[in-house]
Amino acid sequence: MADQTSSKALTSVWLWLFPVVYLLHVAEEYWGGSGFSAYVARTRGVNLSPEKFLIMNAFGWALMIVGLVLAVRLRFSQWLMVCMATALLINGLSHTINAIARAEYNPGLVSGLLIFIPLGVLVLARLKGKMRGRRYFGALLVGALVNGVVLWLALGGNLWALTK
């Protein structure tokens, strides 16, 4: 019984790391370099005001908190952790790949590289053997889709901006 209690406590700690690191990442995107809004305007031609950026991220953070509370209550914490770890990993990789391709810093690169990628890999590796294959794969897929929707929203619904 003690092992089960400590396992639940550890899962809860891991689960609540996600909104904390998300806020750190948003802070870097907002204040890093010229800020994410100015960066996407310069590099992608996307008009995303700093205010809209903050509103979108506040909404995303609130959804994350609601999801975490529901996941704990309805007992799908591992599934949600895989979903969020996938989204963070893809985001961190996209910042890194973009920085390499453009040979320049982009807001979110440091937290993406030093926090999102390691946390994503660690959580995905830790939970791979603890979930059924289809359930794990489903959470991976939803996490990738979430990342795609966030990217689409950040680019103002214009995925062609990626080709710039």
Protein backbone atom coordinates (compact mmCIF):
# COMPACT_ATOMS: atom_id res chain seq x y z
CA MET A 1 0.00 0.00 0.00
CA ALA A 2 2.88 2.40 0.81
CA ASP A 3 4.44 1.71 -2.60
CA GLN A 4 1.15 2.57 -4.34
CA THR A 5 0.79 5.79 -2.31
CA SER A 6 4.36 6.89 -3.07
CA SER A 7 3.86 6.02 -6.75
CA LYS A 8 0.73 8.20 -6.89
CA ALA A 9 2.57 11.05 -5.15
CA LEU A 10 5.46 10.79 -7.61
CA THR A 11 3.05 10.77 -10.57
CA SER A 12 1.36 13.85 -9.13
CA VAL A 13 4.69 15.67 -8.84
CA TRP A 14 5.60 14.79 -12.42
CA LEU A 15 2.14 15.82 -13.62
CA TRP A 16 2.31 19.26 -11.99
CA LEU A 17 5.76 19.93 -13.47
CA PHE A 18 4.10 20.53 -16.85
CA PRO A 19 2.28 23.80 -16.05
CA VAL A 20 5.37 25.10 -14.25
CA VAL A 21 7.74 24.46 -17.15
CA TYR A 22 5.12 25.75 -19.57
CA LEU A 23 5.12 29.10 -17.73
CA LEU A 24 8.93 29.21 -17.86
CA HIS A 25 8.79 28.59 -21.61
CA VAL A 26 6.14 31.26 -22.18
CA ALA A 27 8.23 33.72 -20.15
CA GLU A 28 11.23 33.03 -22.38
CA GLU A 29 9.11 33.35 -25.52
CA TYR A 30 7.70 36.66 -24.27
CA TRP A 31 10.94 38.25 -23.03
CA GLY A 32 13.61 36.30 -24.93
CA GLY A 33 15.36 38.22 -27.68
CA SER A 34 12.85 40.56 -29.28
CA GLY A 35 9.99 38.30 -28.12
CA PHE A 36 8.12 35.58 -29.97
CA SER A 37 5.59 38.01 -31.47
CA ALA A 38 8.31 40.15 -33.08
CA TYR A 39 10.23 37.03 -34.11
CA VAL A 40 7.32 35.44 -36.01
CA ALA A 41 6.48 38.79 -37.60
CA ARG A 42 10.07 39.17 -38.86
CA THR A 43 10.67 35.57 -39.92
CA ARG A 44 7.21 34.33 -40.91
CA GLY A 45 5.23 37.46 -41.67
CA VAL A 46 2.73 36.57 -38.94
CA ASN A 47 0.95 39.34 -37.05
CA LEU A 48 0.66 38.07 -33.48
CA SER A 49 0.57 40.89 -30.95
CA PRO A 50 2.24 40.35 -27.58
CA GLU A 51 -1.18 40.74 -25.96
CA LYS A 52 -2.74 38.06 -28.15
CA PHE A 53 0.28 35.84 -27.48
CA LEU A 54 -0.27 36.17 -23.72
CA ILE A 55 -4.03 35.63 -23.99
CA MET A 56 -3.56 32.49 -26.10
CA ASN A 57 -1.00 31.12 -23.66
CA ALA A 58 -3.10 31.98 -20.61
CA PHE A 59 -5.99 30.08 -22.20
CA GLY A 60 -3.68 27.14 -22.98
CA TRP A 61 -2.33 27.14 -19.43
CA ALA A 62 -5.86 27.20 -18.00
CA LEU A 63 -6.83 24.26 -20.23
CA MET A 64 -3.75 22.43 -19.01
CA ILE A 65 -4.76 22.98 -15.36
CA VAL A 66 -8.34 21.82 -16.03
CA GLY A 67 -6.95 18.77 -17.83
CA LEU A 68 -4.64 17.96 -14.92
CA VAL A 69 -7.43 18.19 -12.37
CA LEU A 70 -9.68 15.99 -14.51
CA ALA A 71 -6.85 13.53 -15.15
CA VAL A 72 -6.25 13.07 -11.44
CA ARG A 73 -9.96 12.78 -10.61
CA LEU A 74 -10.79 10.47 -13.53
CA ARG A 75 -7.52 8.51 -13.31
CA PHE A 76 -5.93 9.13 -16.69
CA SER A 77 -2.82 10.89 -15.38
CA GLN A 78 -0.36 8.69 -17.28
CA TRP A 79 -2.22 9.19 -20.55
CA LEU A 80 -2.23 12.98 -20.09
CA MET A 81 1.45 12.97 -19.14
CA VAL A 82 2.33 11.15 -22.37
CA CYS A 83 0.16 13.57 -24.34
CA MET A 84 1.78 16.65 -22.75
CA ALA A 85 5.30 15.20 -22.91
CA THR A 86 4.83 14.61 -26.64
CA ALA A 87 3.66 18.19 -27.20
CA LEU A 88 6.58 19.58 -25.20
CA LEU A 89 9.10 17.35 -26.96
CA ILE A 90 7.86 18.38 -30.42
CA ASN A 91 7.86 22.04 -29.40
CA GLY A 92 11.40 21.83 -28.04
CA LEU A 93 12.60 20.03 -31.17
CA SER A 94 10.91 22.60 -33.43
CA HIS A 95 12.65 25.47 -31.62
CA THR A 96 15.98 23.63 -31.92
CA ILE A 97 15.56 22.73 -35.60
CA ASN A 98 14.43 26.27 -36.41
CA ALA A 99 17.47 27.72 -34.63
CA ILE A 100 19.82 25.43 -36.55
CA ALA A 101 18.11 26.07 -39.90
CA ARG A 102 18.18 29.86 -39.44
CA ALA A 103 21.47 29.92 -37.52
CA GLU A 104 19.93 32.23 -34.91
CA TYR A 105 18.29 32.26 -31.53
CA ASN A 106 14.50 32.11 -31.41
CA PRO A 107 12.46 32.90 -28.29
CA GLY A 108 11.77 29.62 -26.52
CA LEU A 109 14.95 27.88 -27.70
CA VAL A 110 16.72 27.68 -24.34
CA SER A 111 13.77 26.33 -22.35
CA GLY A 112 12.81 24.09 -25.28
CA LEU A 113 16.29 22.62 -25.48
CA LEU A 114 17.12 22.42 -21.78
CA ILE A 115 13.69 21.63 -20.29
CA PHE A 116 11.08 20.55 -22.87
CA ILE A 117 13.21 17.99 -24.72
CA PRO A 118 14.70 16.27 -21.63
CA LEU A 119 11.37 16.28 -19.75
CA GLY A 120 9.51 14.97 -22.80
CA VAL A 121 12.01 12.17 -23.42
CA LEU A 122 12.19 11.24 -19.73
CA VAL A 123 8.41 11.05 -19.25
CA LEU A 124 7.85 9.17 -22.52
CA ALA A 125 10.57 6.63 -21.66
CA ARG A 126 9.33 6.25 -18.08
CA LEU A 127 5.73 5.57 -19.09
CA LYS A 128 6.28 3.49 -22.24
CA GLY A 129 6.32 0.18 -20.41
CA LYS A 130 3.60 1.16 -17.95
CA MET A 131 0.80 1.64 -20.48
CA ARG A 132 -0.78 -0.59 -23.09
CA GLY A 133 0.62 0.02 -26.57
CA ARG A 134 -2.57 1.39 -28.16
CA ARG A 135 -3.23 3.70 -25.23
CA TYR A 136 0.36 4.99 -25.26
CA PHE A 137 0.29 5.49 -29.03
CA GLY A 138 -3.07 7.28 -28.79
CA ALA A 139 -1.65 9.70 -26.22
CA LEU A 140 1.38 10.29 -28.50
CA LEU A 141 -0.93 11.02 -31.40
CA VAL A 142 -3.12 13.42 -29.41
CA GLY A 143 -0.01 15.21 -28.10
CA ALA A 144 1.27 15.65 -31.66
CA LEU A 145 -2.15 16.94 -32.77
CA VAL A 146 -2.26 19.39 -29.87
CA ASN A 147 1.14 20.69 -30.90
CA GLY A 148 -0.09 21.07 -34.47
CA VAL A 149 -3.17 23.03 -33.40
CA VAL A 150 -1.04 25.31 -31.20
CA LEU A 151 1.32 25.93 -34.12
CA TRP A 152 -1.61 26.66 -36.42
CA LEU A 153 -3.05 29.14 -33.92
CA ALA A 154 0.34 30.80 -33.35
CA LEU A 155 0.71 31.30 -37.10
CA GLY A 156 -2.73 32.87 -37.34
CA GLY A 157 -4.18 29.87 -39.14
CA ASN A 158 -1.60 30.20 -41.91
CA LEU A 159 0.55 27.06 -42.08
CA TRP A 160 2.08 28.41 -45.30
CA ALA A 161 4.03 30.75 -43.03
CA LEU A 162 6.16 27.72 -42.16
CA THR A 163 7.64 27.74 -45.64
CA LYS A 164 9.07 31.25 -45.26
